[in-house]
Amino acid sequence: MPVTISHRGTSIEVDGHLPAVGSQAPDFKLTANDLSEITLSDYAGKNLILNIFPSIDTPTCAQSTRRFNEELAALENTEVLCISADLPFAQSRFCGAEGLERVQTGSTFKSSFATDYGVQILSGKLEALTTRAVIVIGTDGVVKHVELVPEIGQEPDYSAALAAI
């Protein structure tokens, strides 16, 4: 059953079936900036923060990417993967222009990630994009934290995500 959140005050539906805390994280396939494949197993033995959002070219999405890039400086054995339906070329352009070298980006454009992770927007102007969510996966592949942000224009709770590491 879909979950209702908002986008600029308008109700929209999202899949909402995010992985449960304590469950094994589902495998995924995303596309990297160089068009290679990214999978969950690429991060085996590391903490992984999935910073999921509609598009890197919007202010809140850009801010969350910058913020996690800053936070990574203080974290050991942790990676941040910023995920959207943007093409890898746009993700690469943004990170290059911003000088963001710590975070990685992954595009959903050739994958079922949005439905597998329950983050697909089902209605409204952003239909078919990914909603704003943060999922923290521990070194053992178990989900440690999940946040489905209730308003797409709102930043995630960085403190809660980082505390889960």
N, C-alpha and C. Protein backbone atom coordinates (compact mmCIF):
# COMPACT_ATOMS: atom_id res chain seq x y z
N MET A 1 0.85 -1.18 0.00
CA MET A 1 0.00 0.00 0.00
C MET A 1 0.89 1.24 0.00
N PRO A 2 0.67 2.16 -0.91
CA PRO A 2 1.48 3.38 -0.99
C PRO A 2 1.39 4.24 0.28
N VAL A 3 2.39 5.07 0.45
CA VAL A 3 2.47 6.00 1.57
C VAL A 3 2.32 7.41 1.01
N THR A 4 1.64 8.27 1.75
CA THR A 4 1.46 9.66 1.30
C THR A 4 2.49 10.54 2.00
N ILE A 5 3.20 11.32 1.19
CA ILE A 5 4.10 12.36 1.69
C ILE A 5 3.71 13.64 0.96
N SER A 6 4.51 14.69 1.07
CA SER A 6 4.16 15.91 0.34
C SER A 6 5.33 16.44 -0.47
N HIS A 7 4.96 17.20 -1.48
CA HIS A 7 5.92 17.92 -2.30
C HIS A 7 5.37 19.33 -2.47
N ARG A 8 6.03 20.26 -1.79
CA ARG A 8 5.59 21.66 -1.81
C ARG A 8 4.14 21.82 -1.37
N GLY A 9 3.79 21.04 -0.34
CA GLY A 9 2.46 21.13 0.24
C GLY A 9 1.39 20.31 -0.44
N THR A 10 1.71 19.68 -1.55
CA THR A 10 0.76 18.84 -2.27
C THR A 10 1.02 17.38 -1.93
N SER A 11 -0.03 16.64 -1.60
CA SER A 11 0.12 15.22 -1.27
C SER A 11 0.47 14.42 -2.51
N ILE A 12 1.43 13.52 -2.34
CA ILE A 12 1.81 12.60 -3.41
C ILE A 12 1.99 11.22 -2.79
N GLU A 13 1.89 10.22 -3.62
CA GLU A 13 2.08 8.85 -3.14
C GLU A 13 3.45 8.35 -3.55
N VAL A 14 4.06 7.62 -2.62
CA VAL A 14 5.32 6.93 -2.90
C VAL A 14 5.13 5.47 -2.51
N ASP A 15 5.97 4.63 -3.08
CA ASP A 15 5.87 3.20 -2.78
C ASP A 15 5.90 2.98 -1.27
N GLY A 16 6.93 3.48 -0.59
CA GLY A 16 6.98 3.48 0.87
C GLY A 16 7.38 2.18 1.54
N HIS A 17 7.66 1.14 0.79
CA HIS A 17 8.06 -0.15 1.38
C HIS A 17 9.58 -0.23 1.46
N LEU A 18 10.16 0.66 2.27
CA LEU A 18 11.60 0.68 2.44
C LEU A 18 12.03 -0.54 3.26
N PRO A 19 13.28 -0.97 3.10
CA PRO A 19 13.75 -2.10 3.90
C PRO A 19 13.63 -1.80 5.39
N ALA A 20 13.27 -2.80 6.17
CA ALA A 20 13.08 -2.62 7.61
C ALA A 20 14.41 -2.61 8.35
N VAL A 21 14.49 -1.80 9.40
CA VAL A 21 15.66 -1.82 10.26
C VAL A 21 15.80 -3.24 10.82
N GLY A 22 17.01 -3.77 10.77
CA GLY A 22 17.28 -5.12 11.25
C GLY A 22 17.23 -6.17 10.16
N SER A 23 16.74 -5.80 8.97
CA SER A 23 16.69 -6.75 7.85
C SER A 23 17.97 -6.68 7.03
N GLN A 24 18.20 -7.72 6.27
CA GLN A 24 19.33 -7.73 5.34
C GLN A 24 18.99 -6.76 4.20
N ALA A 25 19.92 -5.90 3.86
CA ALA A 25 19.67 -4.94 2.78
C ALA A 25 19.53 -5.68 1.45
N PRO A 26 18.53 -5.32 0.66
CA PRO A 26 18.39 -5.95 -0.66
C PRO A 26 19.56 -5.57 -1.56
N ASP A 27 19.96 -6.51 -2.39
CA ASP A 27 21.01 -6.19 -3.36
C ASP A 27 20.46 -5.14 -4.33
N PHE A 28 21.34 -4.43 -4.98
CA PHE A 28 20.93 -3.45 -5.98
C PHE A 28 21.96 -3.36 -7.08
N LYS A 29 21.52 -2.81 -8.20
CA LYS A 29 22.39 -2.48 -9.32
C LYS A 29 22.09 -1.05 -9.72
N LEU A 30 23.12 -0.24 -9.73
CA LEU A 30 23.02 1.15 -10.14
C LEU A 30 24.09 1.40 -11.19
N THR A 31 24.06 2.57 -11.82
CA THR A 31 25.06 2.92 -12.81
C THR A 31 25.94 4.04 -12.28
N ALA A 32 27.25 3.81 -12.32
CA ALA A 32 28.23 4.79 -11.86
C ALA A 32 28.48 5.84 -12.95
N ASN A 33 29.23 6.88 -12.59
CA ASN A 33 29.53 7.96 -13.52
C ASN A 33 30.25 7.48 -14.78
N ASP A 34 31.04 6.43 -14.66
CA ASP A 34 31.76 5.90 -15.82
C ASP A 34 30.96 4.82 -16.54
N LEU A 35 29.67 4.69 -16.20
CA LEU A 35 28.72 3.74 -16.78
C LEU A 35 28.98 2.29 -16.35
N SER A 36 29.85 2.09 -15.37
CA SER A 36 30.04 0.75 -14.81
C SER A 36 28.90 0.45 -13.84
N GLU A 37 28.79 -0.79 -13.44
CA GLU A 37 27.73 -1.21 -12.54
C GLU A 37 28.18 -1.10 -11.08
N ILE A 38 27.29 -0.61 -10.24
CA ILE A 38 27.50 -0.53 -8.80
C ILE A 38 26.54 -1.51 -8.15
N THR A 39 27.04 -2.33 -7.22
CA THR A 39 26.17 -3.26 -6.49
C THR A 39 26.43 -3.13 -5.00
N LEU A 40 25.53 -3.67 -4.22
CA LEU A 40 25.70 -3.65 -2.76
C LEU A 40 26.99 -4.35 -2.36
N SER A 41 27.33 -5.43 -3.04
CA SER A 41 28.53 -6.18 -2.67
C SER A 41 29.82 -5.37 -2.84
N ASP A 42 29.78 -4.30 -3.62
CA ASP A 42 30.95 -3.42 -3.76
C ASP A 42 31.31 -2.75 -2.43
N TYR A 43 30.37 -2.73 -1.49
CA TYR A 43 30.57 -2.06 -0.20
C TYR A 43 30.67 -3.05 0.95
N ALA A 44 30.88 -4.31 0.66
CA ALA A 44 30.97 -5.33 1.70
C ALA A 44 32.01 -4.95 2.75
N GLY A 45 31.65 -5.07 4.02
CA GLY A 45 32.56 -4.76 5.12
C GLY A 45 32.64 -3.28 5.45
N LYS A 46 31.85 -2.45 4.79
CA LYS A 46 31.85 -1.00 5.06
C LYS A 46 30.46 -0.57 5.48
N ASN A 47 30.40 0.52 6.24
CA ASN A 47 29.12 1.17 6.49
C ASN A 47 28.75 1.91 5.22
N LEU A 48 27.48 1.90 4.87
CA LEU A 48 27.04 2.55 3.65
C LEU A 48 25.79 3.39 3.94
N ILE A 49 25.88 4.66 3.59
CA ILE A 49 24.74 5.56 3.69
C ILE A 49 24.19 5.76 2.29
N LEU A 50 22.93 5.38 2.09
CA LEU A 50 22.25 5.63 0.82
C LEU A 50 21.48 6.94 0.96
N ASN A 51 21.95 7.95 0.27
CA ASN A 51 21.31 9.27 0.26
C ASN A 51 20.49 9.33 -1.03
N ILE A 52 19.19 9.10 -0.91
CA ILE A 52 18.31 8.95 -2.07
C ILE A 52 17.48 10.21 -2.24
N PHE A 53 17.33 10.67 -3.49
CA PHE A 53 16.58 11.90 -3.75
C PHE A 53 16.10 11.95 -5.19
N PRO A 54 15.19 12.90 -5.52
CA PRO A 54 14.65 12.99 -6.88
C PRO A 54 15.67 13.38 -7.95
N SER A 55 16.42 14.47 -7.72
CA SER A 55 17.36 14.95 -8.74
C SER A 55 18.46 15.78 -8.09
N ILE A 56 19.67 15.53 -8.52
CA ILE A 56 20.82 16.26 -7.97
C ILE A 56 20.77 17.74 -8.34
N ASP A 57 19.97 18.08 -9.34
CA ASP A 57 19.89 19.47 -9.79
C ASP A 57 18.81 20.29 -9.09
N THR A 58 18.43 19.89 -7.89
CA THR A 58 17.49 20.68 -7.10
C THR A 58 18.20 21.11 -5.82
N PRO A 59 17.81 22.22 -5.21
CA PRO A 59 18.56 22.77 -4.08
C PRO A 59 18.71 21.82 -2.89
N THR A 60 17.65 21.16 -2.47
CA THR A 60 17.74 20.30 -1.29
C THR A 60 18.59 19.07 -1.58
N CYS A 61 18.44 18.51 -2.75
CA CYS A 61 19.23 17.33 -3.13
C CYS A 61 20.72 17.70 -3.19
N ALA A 62 21.01 18.84 -3.76
CA ALA A 62 22.39 19.32 -3.83
C ALA A 62 22.95 19.54 -2.43
N GLN A 63 22.14 20.13 -1.54
CA GLN A 63 22.60 20.39 -0.17
C GLN A 63 22.89 19.09 0.57
N SER A 64 22.03 18.08 0.41
CA SER A 64 22.26 16.82 1.13
C SER A 64 23.54 16.15 0.61
N THR A 65 23.81 16.27 -0.67
CA THR A 65 25.04 15.70 -1.24
C THR A 65 26.25 16.42 -0.67
N ARG A 66 26.20 17.75 -0.61
CA ARG A 66 27.30 18.52 -0.02
C ARG A 66 27.51 18.17 1.46
N ARG A 67 26.41 18.09 2.20
CA ARG A 67 26.50 17.83 3.64
C ARG A 67 27.11 16.45 3.93
N PHE A 68 26.64 15.41 3.23
CA PHE A 68 27.22 14.09 3.45
C PHE A 68 28.67 14.05 3.01
N ASN A 69 29.04 14.80 1.97
CA ASN A 69 30.43 14.88 1.56
C ASN A 69 31.29 15.45 2.69
N GLU A 70 30.79 16.48 3.37
CA GLU A 70 31.51 17.07 4.52
C GLU A 70 31.60 16.08 5.67
N GLU A 71 30.51 15.43 5.99
CA GLU A 71 30.46 14.51 7.13
C GLU A 71 31.40 13.31 6.95
N LEU A 72 31.63 12.91 5.72
CA LEU A 72 32.47 11.74 5.47
C LEU A 72 33.91 11.94 5.95
N ALA A 73 34.36 13.17 6.03
CA ALA A 73 35.73 13.43 6.48
C ALA A 73 35.99 12.88 7.87
N ALA A 74 34.95 12.83 8.71
CA ALA A 74 35.09 12.39 10.10
C ALA A 74 34.72 10.92 10.30
N LEU A 75 34.33 10.23 9.26
CA LEU A 75 33.85 8.86 9.40
C LEU A 75 34.85 7.86 8.83
N GLU A 76 35.07 6.80 9.57
CA GLU A 76 35.96 5.74 9.09
C GLU A 76 35.14 4.59 8.54
N ASN A 77 35.68 3.93 7.54
CA ASN A 77 35.07 2.74 6.96
C ASN A 77 33.62 2.97 6.55
N THR A 78 33.36 4.15 6.03
CA THR A 78 32.00 4.53 5.64
C THR A 78 32.01 5.17 4.26
N GLU A 79 31.02 4.80 3.46
CA GLU A 79 30.83 5.39 2.14
C GLU A 79 29.43 5.98 2.06
N VAL A 80 29.27 7.02 1.24
CA VAL A 80 27.96 7.59 0.97
C VAL A 80 27.71 7.45 -0.52
N LEU A 81 26.57 6.86 -0.84
CA LEU A 81 26.16 6.70 -2.22
C LEU A 81 24.91 7.54 -2.43
N CYS A 82 25.02 8.58 -3.27
CA CYS A 82 23.91 9.49 -3.57
C CYS A 82 23.19 8.94 -4.79
N ILE A 83 21.91 8.65 -4.62
CA ILE A 83 21.16 7.91 -5.63
C ILE A 83 19.98 8.73 -6.15
N SER A 84 19.87 8.80 -7.47
CA SER A 84 18.74 9.46 -8.12
C SER A 84 18.57 8.87 -9.52
N ALA A 85 17.50 9.30 -10.19
CA ALA A 85 17.26 8.85 -11.55
C ALA A 85 18.01 9.70 -12.57
N ASP A 86 18.78 10.68 -12.11
CA ASP A 86 19.59 11.48 -13.03
C ASP A 86 20.53 10.59 -13.82
N LEU A 87 20.83 11.01 -15.02
CA LEU A 87 21.83 10.27 -15.78
C LEU A 87 23.19 10.42 -15.12
N PRO A 88 24.05 9.43 -15.26
CA PRO A 88 25.38 9.50 -14.65
C PRO A 88 26.16 10.75 -15.08
N PHE A 89 25.92 11.24 -16.27
CA PHE A 89 26.64 12.42 -16.76
C PHE A 89 26.29 13.66 -15.94
N ALA A 90 25.01 13.80 -15.59
CA ALA A 90 24.58 14.94 -14.77
C ALA A 90 25.15 14.81 -13.36
N GLN A 91 25.13 13.61 -12.81
CA GLN A 91 25.68 13.40 -11.47
C GLN A 91 27.17 13.74 -11.45
N SER A 92 27.89 13.30 -12.45
CA SER A 92 29.32 13.56 -12.53
C SER A 92 29.60 15.05 -12.69
N ARG A 93 28.83 15.71 -13.54
CA ARG A 93 28.99 17.15 -13.77
C ARG A 93 28.80 17.92 -12.46
N PHE A 94 27.74 17.58 -11.72
CA PHE A 94 27.45 18.28 -10.48
C PHE A 94 28.59 18.10 -9.48
N CYS A 95 28.99 16.86 -9.23
CA CYS A 95 30.03 16.61 -8.24
C CYS A 95 31.36 17.23 -8.66
N GLY A 96 31.66 17.21 -9.95
CA GLY A 96 32.88 17.84 -10.44
C GLY A 96 32.86 19.34 -10.25
N ALA A 97 31.75 19.97 -10.59
CA ALA A 97 31.61 21.42 -10.46
C ALA A 97 31.67 21.85 -9.00
N GLU A 98 31.16 21.01 -8.11
CA GLU A 98 31.12 21.32 -6.68
C GLU A 98 32.38 20.89 -5.95
N GLY A 99 33.25 20.14 -6.59
CA GLY A 99 34.46 19.63 -5.93
C GLY A 99 34.16 18.57 -4.88
N LEU A 100 33.11 17.80 -5.09
CA LEU A 100 32.71 16.76 -4.13
C LEU A 100 33.40 15.45 -4.49
N GLU A 101 34.39 15.09 -3.69
CA GLU A 101 35.20 13.92 -4.02
C GLU A 101 34.99 12.75 -3.09
N ARG A 102 34.30 12.94 -1.98
CA ARG A 102 34.12 11.86 -1.01
C ARG A 102 32.89 11.01 -1.30
N VAL A 103 31.79 11.64 -1.70
CA VAL A 103 30.57 10.89 -1.99
C VAL A 103 30.66 10.26 -3.38
N GLN A 104 29.90 9.21 -3.56
CA GLN A 104 29.78 8.58 -4.86
C GLN A 104 28.34 8.75 -5.32
N THR A 105 28.10 8.65 -6.61
CA THR A 105 26.74 8.76 -7.12
C THR A 105 26.38 7.49 -7.89
N GLY A 106 25.09 7.19 -7.86
CA GLY A 106 24.57 6.05 -8.60
C GLY A 106 23.25 6.41 -9.23
N SER A 107 23.10 6.08 -10.50
CA SER A 107 21.88 6.37 -11.23
C SER A 107 20.99 5.13 -11.30
N THR A 108 19.70 5.37 -11.14
CA THR A 108 18.71 4.28 -11.21
C THR A 108 18.21 4.06 -12.64
N PHE A 109 18.74 4.78 -13.62
CA PHE A 109 18.11 4.80 -14.94
C PHE A 109 18.06 3.45 -15.64
N LYS A 110 18.86 2.49 -15.25
CA LYS A 110 18.81 1.16 -15.87
C LYS A 110 18.48 0.07 -14.85
N SER A 111 17.87 0.44 -13.73
CA SER A 111 17.69 -0.56 -12.68
C SER A 111 16.29 -0.54 -12.07
N SER A 112 16.06 -1.51 -11.22
CA SER A 112 14.79 -1.60 -10.49
C SER A 112 14.95 -1.10 -9.05
N PHE A 113 16.01 -0.37 -8.77
CA PHE A 113 16.30 0.10 -7.42
C PHE A 113 15.10 0.80 -6.76
N ALA A 114 14.46 1.71 -7.49
CA ALA A 114 13.37 2.51 -6.89
C ALA A 114 12.25 1.63 -6.37
N THR A 115 11.92 0.58 -7.09
CA THR A 115 10.87 -0.32 -6.61
C THR A 115 11.41 -1.31 -5.59
N ASP A 116 12.63 -1.79 -5.78
CA ASP A 116 13.23 -2.75 -4.84
C ASP A 116 13.40 -2.15 -3.45
N TYR A 117 13.68 -0.85 -3.39
CA TYR A 117 13.90 -0.17 -2.11
C TYR A 117 12.69 0.65 -1.66
N GLY A 118 11.60 0.61 -2.41
CA GLY A 118 10.36 1.27 -2.00
C GLY A 118 10.38 2.77 -2.05
N VAL A 119 11.23 3.35 -2.90
CA VAL A 119 11.39 4.81 -2.93
C VAL A 119 10.85 5.46 -4.20
N GLN A 120 10.10 4.73 -5.00
CA GLN A 120 9.58 5.31 -6.24
C GLN A 120 8.38 6.20 -5.96
N ILE A 121 8.39 7.38 -6.56
CA ILE A 121 7.26 8.29 -6.48
C ILE A 121 6.19 7.79 -7.46
N LEU A 122 4.95 7.63 -6.96
CA LEU A 122 3.89 7.02 -7.76
C LEU A 122 2.90 8.01 -8.34
N SER A 123 2.92 9.26 -7.87
CA SER A 123 1.96 10.25 -8.38
C SER A 123 2.57 11.65 -8.32
N GLY A 124 1.91 12.58 -8.99
CA GLY A 124 2.36 13.96 -8.96
C GLY A 124 3.38 14.27 -10.04
N LYS A 125 3.88 15.48 -10.02
CA LYS A 125 4.80 15.97 -11.05
C LYS A 125 6.12 15.20 -11.09
N LEU A 126 6.52 14.61 -9.97
CA LEU A 126 7.79 13.89 -9.90
C LEU A 126 7.62 12.38 -10.07
N GLU A 127 6.45 11.97 -10.55
CA GLU A 127 6.17 10.54 -10.72
C GLU A 127 7.31 9.84 -11.47
N ALA A 128 7.66 8.67 -10.96
CA ALA A 128 8.70 7.78 -11.51
C ALA A 128 10.11 8.13 -11.03
N LEU A 129 10.28 9.27 -10.37
CA LEU A 129 11.58 9.58 -9.77
C LEU A 129 11.66 8.91 -8.39
N THR A 130 12.79 9.05 -7.73
CA THR A 130 12.94 8.53 -6.37
C THR A 130 12.61 9.63 -5.38
N THR A 131 11.97 9.25 -4.28
CA THR A 131 11.66 10.20 -3.22
C THR A 131 12.90 10.42 -2.36
N ARG A 132 12.80 11.35 -1.41
CA ARG A 132 13.93 11.62 -0.52
C ARG A 132 13.89 10.64 0.64
N ALA A 133 14.98 9.90 0.80
CA ALA A 133 15.09 8.93 1.88
C ALA A 133 16.56 8.71 2.19
N VAL A 134 16.82 8.23 3.40
CA VAL A 134 18.18 7.86 3.79
C VAL A 134 18.09 6.47 4.41
N ILE A 135 18.98 5.60 3.96
CA ILE A 135 19.06 4.24 4.49
C ILE A 135 20.52 4.00 4.87
N VAL A 136 20.75 3.55 6.09
CA VAL A 136 22.11 3.23 6.55
C VAL A 136 22.23 1.72 6.66
N ILE A 137 23.25 1.20 6.00
CA ILE A 137 23.52 -0.23 6.01
C ILE A 137 24.85 -0.45 6.73
N GLY A 138 24.87 -1.35 7.70
CA GLY A 138 26.07 -1.62 8.48
C GLY A 138 27.07 -2.49 7.73
N THR A 139 28.22 -2.68 8.35
CA THR A 139 29.29 -3.48 7.75
C THR A 139 28.87 -4.92 7.49
N ASP A 140 27.84 -5.37 8.20
CA ASP A 140 27.33 -6.74 8.05
C ASP A 140 26.21 -6.85 7.02
N GLY A 141 25.88 -5.74 6.33
CA GLY A 141 24.83 -5.75 5.32
C GLY A 141 23.43 -5.61 5.88
N VAL A 142 23.33 -5.34 7.19
CA VAL A 142 22.03 -5.20 7.85
C VAL A 142 21.64 -3.72 7.89
N VAL A 143 20.36 -3.45 7.64
CA VAL A 143 19.84 -2.08 7.67
C VAL A 143 19.83 -1.58 9.11
N LYS A 144 20.49 -0.45 9.34
CA LYS A 144 20.62 0.13 10.69
C LYS A 144 19.70 1.33 10.92
N HIS A 145 19.31 2.01 9.84
CA HIS A 145 18.50 3.22 9.96
C HIS A 145 17.75 3.43 8.65
N VAL A 146 16.50 3.88 8.76
CA VAL A 146 15.68 4.19 7.58
C VAL A 146 14.92 5.48 7.86
N GLU A 147 14.96 6.41 6.92
CA GLU A 147 14.16 7.62 7.01
C GLU A 147 13.52 7.91 5.66
N LEU A 148 12.21 7.93 5.63
CA LEU A 148 11.46 8.42 4.48
C LEU A 148 11.08 9.85 4.84
N VAL A 149 11.69 10.81 4.19
CA VAL A 149 11.46 12.21 4.52
C VAL A 149 10.03 12.59 4.11
N PRO A 150 9.24 13.16 5.05
CA PRO A 150 7.81 13.40 4.79
C PRO A 150 7.51 14.52 3.80
N GLU A 151 8.44 15.42 3.58
CA GLU A 151 8.28 16.52 2.61
C GLU A 151 9.52 16.49 1.73
N ILE A 152 9.34 16.29 0.44
CA ILE A 152 10.48 16.13 -0.46
C ILE A 152 11.45 17.31 -0.39
N GLY A 153 10.96 18.51 -0.15
CA GLY A 153 11.83 19.68 -0.09
C GLY A 153 12.58 19.83 1.23
N GLN A 154 12.37 18.93 2.16
CA GLN A 154 13.01 18.97 3.49
C GLN A 154 14.29 18.12 3.46
N GLU A 155 15.32 18.60 4.16
CA GLU A 155 16.55 17.82 4.27
C GLU A 155 16.33 16.64 5.22
N PRO A 156 17.10 15.59 5.03
CA PRO A 156 16.98 14.44 5.93
C PRO A 156 17.57 14.76 7.30
N ASP A 157 17.34 13.88 8.24
CA ASP A 157 17.89 14.01 9.59
C ASP A 157 19.31 13.44 9.58
N TYR A 158 20.28 14.30 9.31
CA TYR A 158 21.67 13.86 9.20
C TYR A 158 22.16 13.25 10.50
N SER A 159 21.81 13.84 11.63
CA SER A 159 22.28 13.35 12.93
C SER A 159 21.84 11.92 13.18
N ALA A 160 20.58 11.60 12.87
CA ALA A 160 20.07 10.26 13.08
C ALA A 160 20.79 9.25 12.18
N ALA A 161 21.02 9.64 10.94
CA ALA A 161 21.73 8.75 10.01
C ALA A 161 23.15 8.49 10.49
N LEU A 162 23.84 9.54 10.89
CA LEU A 162 25.23 9.40 11.32
C LEU A 162 25.33 8.65 12.64
N ALA A 163 24.35 8.80 13.51
CA ALA A 163 24.34 8.09 14.79
C ALA A 163 24.19 6.58 14.60
N ALA A 164 23.61 6.18 13.49
CA ALA A 164 23.40 4.75 13.22
C ALA A 164 24.68 4.02 12.82
N ILE A 165 25.69 4.79 12.49
CA ILE A 165 26.96 4.19 12.06
C ILE A 165 27.70 3.62 13.25
